Amino acid sequence: MGLAIQAFGWVGTVFILYAFLANSQGWMRPGPTYFALNLVGSIAIMLVAWRQSAWQPFAINAFWAAVAAYSLLVFRLRRDPVQSS
């Protein structure tokens, strides 16, 4: 497997672990940065898992990405309500 894809997977792993650590220690609250780190991290790991036909890590990271994307969308919608005229 290409070195660039492996590196991308490791960056994704670091993103997810950092988001978890930062949230656990109170350094970061769930919000756009937290959700984005989880989304990008899980997509990166999905790419590596797909290339290696490793379907269990692919599946859990697909779920993780979906939850992060949904949470990011909900956060955005709650922060920017549509204004009525």
C-alpha atoms as a PDB file:
ATOM      1  CA  MET A   1       0.000   0.000   0.000  1.00  0.00           C
ATOM      2  CA  GLY A   2       1.191   3.481  -0.752  1.00  0.00           C
ATOM      3  CA  LEU A   3       3.067   5.411   1.864  1.00  0.00           C
ATOM      4  CA  ALA A   4       0.776   8.422   1.392  1.00  0.00           C
ATOM      5  CA  ILE A   5      -2.339   6.371   2.172  1.00  0.00           C
ATOM      6  CA  GLN A   6      -0.694   4.858   5.242  1.00  0.00           C
ATOM      7  CA  ALA A   7       0.320   8.340   6.408  1.00  0.00           C
ATOM      8  CA  PHE A   8      -3.235   9.591   5.830  1.00  0.00           C
ATOM      9  CA  GLY A   9      -4.529   6.724   7.975  1.00  0.00           C
ATOM     10  CA  TRP A  10      -2.123   7.560  10.794  1.00  0.00           C
ATOM     11  CA  VAL A  11      -3.115  11.225  10.657  1.00  0.00           C
ATOM     12  CA  GLY A  12      -6.744  10.117  10.929  1.00  0.00           C
ATOM     13  CA  THR A  13      -5.905   7.963  13.920  1.00  0.00           C
ATOM     14  CA  VAL A  14      -4.164  10.878  15.628  1.00  0.00           C
ATOM     15  CA  PHE A  15      -7.153  13.158  14.903  1.00  0.00           C
ATOM     16  CA  ILE A  16      -9.615  10.744  16.530  1.00  0.00           C
ATOM     17  CA  LEU A  17      -7.388  10.030  19.511  1.00  0.00           C
ATOM     18  CA  TYR A  18      -6.671  13.733  20.054  1.00  0.00           C
ATOM     19  CA  ALA A  19     -10.392  14.600  19.899  1.00  0.00           C
ATOM     20  CA  PHE A  20     -11.159  11.850  22.428  1.00  0.00           C
ATOM     21  CA  LEU A  21      -8.337  12.898  24.774  1.00  0.00           C
ATOM     22  CA  ALA A  22      -9.161  16.598  24.520  1.00  0.00           C
ATOM     23  CA  ASN A  23     -12.839  15.977  25.193  1.00  0.00           C
ATOM     24  CA  SER A  24     -12.103  13.596  28.067  1.00  0.00           C
ATOM     25  CA  GLN A  25      -9.789  16.104  29.723  1.00  0.00           C
ATOM     26  CA  GLY A  26     -12.121  19.062  29.209  1.00  0.00           C
ATOM     27  CA  TRP A  27      -9.787  20.808  26.751  1.00  0.00           C
ATOM     28  CA  MET A  28     -12.353  20.639  23.966  1.00  0.00           C
ATOM     29  CA  ARG A  29     -16.116  20.561  24.115  1.00  0.00           C
ATOM     30  CA  PRO A  30     -18.202  18.820  21.478  1.00  0.00           C
ATOM     31  CA  GLY A  31     -18.488  21.346  18.680  1.00  0.00           C
ATOM     32  CA  PRO A  32     -17.342  21.933  15.105  1.00  0.00           C
ATOM     33  CA  THR A  33     -13.657  21.189  15.762  1.00  0.00           C
ATOM     34  CA  TYR A  34     -14.404  18.017  17.704  1.00  0.00           C
ATOM     35  CA  PHE A  35     -16.848  16.732  15.102  1.00  0.00           C
ATOM     36  CA  ALA A  36     -14.561  17.664  12.195  1.00  0.00           C
ATOM     37  CA  LEU A  37     -11.592  15.858  13.748  1.00  0.00           C
ATOM     38  CA  ASN A  38     -13.725  12.743  14.168  1.00  0.00           C
ATOM     39  CA  LEU A  39     -15.165  13.011  10.643  1.00  0.00           C
ATOM     40  CA  VAL A  40     -11.836  13.497   8.871  1.00  0.00           C
ATOM     41  CA  GLY A  41     -10.122  10.922  11.072  1.00  0.00           C
ATOM     42  CA  SER A  42     -12.702   8.240  10.442  1.00  0.00           C
ATOM     43  CA  ILE A  43     -12.730   8.882   6.688  1.00  0.00           C
ATOM     44  CA  ALA A  44      -8.942   8.533   6.629  1.00  0.00           C
ATOM     45  CA  ILE A  45      -9.108   5.201   8.459  1.00  0.00           C
ATOM     46  CA  MET A  46     -11.929   4.064   6.160  1.00  0.00           C
ATOM     47  CA  LEU A  47      -9.693   4.679   3.149  1.00  0.00           C
ATOM     48  CA  VAL A  48      -6.921   2.507   4.578  1.00  0.00           C
ATOM     49  CA  ALA A  49      -9.392  -0.200   5.640  1.00  0.00           C
ATOM     50  CA  TRP A  50     -10.998  -0.209   2.185  1.00  0.00           C
ATOM     51  CA  ARG A  51      -7.620  -0.523   0.472  1.00  0.00           C
ATOM     52  CA  GLN A  52      -6.761  -3.485   2.706  1.00  0.00           C
ATOM     53  CA  SER A  53     -10.251  -5.076   2.450  1.00  0.00           C
ATOM     54  CA  ALA A  54     -10.501  -4.844   6.244  1.00  0.00           C
ATOM     55  CA  TRP A  55     -14.263  -4.543   6.542  1.00  0.00           C
ATOM     56  CA  GLN A  56     -14.666  -4.436  10.338  1.00  0.00           C
ATOM     57  CA  PRO A  57     -12.616  -1.218  10.784  1.00  0.00           C
ATOM     58  CA  PHE A  58     -14.252   0.130   7.631  1.00  0.00           C
ATOM     59  CA  ALA A  59     -17.729  -0.457   9.082  1.00  0.00           C
ATOM     60  CA  ILE A  60     -17.059   1.053  12.502  1.00  0.00           C
ATOM     61  CA  ASN A  61     -15.420   4.095  10.936  1.00  0.00           C
ATOM     62  CA  ALA A  62     -18.271   4.507   8.443  1.00  0.00           C
ATOM     63  CA  PHE A  63     -20.629   4.624  11.421  1.00  0.00           C
ATOM     64  CA  TRP A  64     -18.256   7.001  13.246  1.00  0.00           C
ATOM     65  CA  ALA A  65     -18.115   9.285  10.186  1.00  0.00           C
ATOM     66  CA  ALA A  66     -21.906   9.269   9.831  1.00  0.00           C
ATOM     67  CA  VAL A  67     -22.394  10.219  13.493  1.00  0.00           C
ATOM     68  CA  ALA A  68     -19.754  12.966  13.237  1.00  0.00           C
ATOM     69  CA  ALA A  69     -21.269  14.364  10.020  1.00  0.00           C
ATOM     70  CA  TYR A  70     -24.772  14.293  11.499  1.00  0.00           C
ATOM     71  CA  SER A  71     -23.561  15.954  14.715  1.00  0.00           C
ATOM     72  CA  LEU A  72     -21.749  18.639  12.732  1.00  0.00           C
ATOM     73  CA  LEU A  73     -24.893  19.314  10.702  1.00  0.00           C
ATOM     74  CA  VAL A  74     -27.134  19.449  13.792  1.00  0.00           C
ATOM     75  CA  PHE A  75     -24.681  21.758  15.560  1.00  0.00           C
ATOM     76  CA  ARG A  76     -24.621  24.043  12.526  1.00  0.00           C
ATOM     77  CA  LEU A  77     -28.416  24.116  12.224  1.00  0.00           C
ATOM     78  CA  ARG A  78     -28.868  24.888  15.919  1.00  0.00           C
ATOM     79  CA  ARG A  79     -26.322  27.716  15.787  1.00  0.00           C
ATOM     80  CA  ASP A  80     -27.698  29.293  12.592  1.00  0.00           C
ATOM     81  CA  PRO A  81     -31.487  29.142  12.742  1.00  0.00           C
ATOM     82  CA  VAL A  82     -33.320  30.326   9.653  1.00  0.00           C
ATOM     83  CA  GLN A  83     -34.537  33.835  10.212  1.00  0.00           C
ATOM     84  CA  SER A  84     -38.118  34.573   9.236  1.00  0.00           C
ATOM     85  CA  SER A  85     -38.966  37.898   7.645  1.00  0.00           C
END
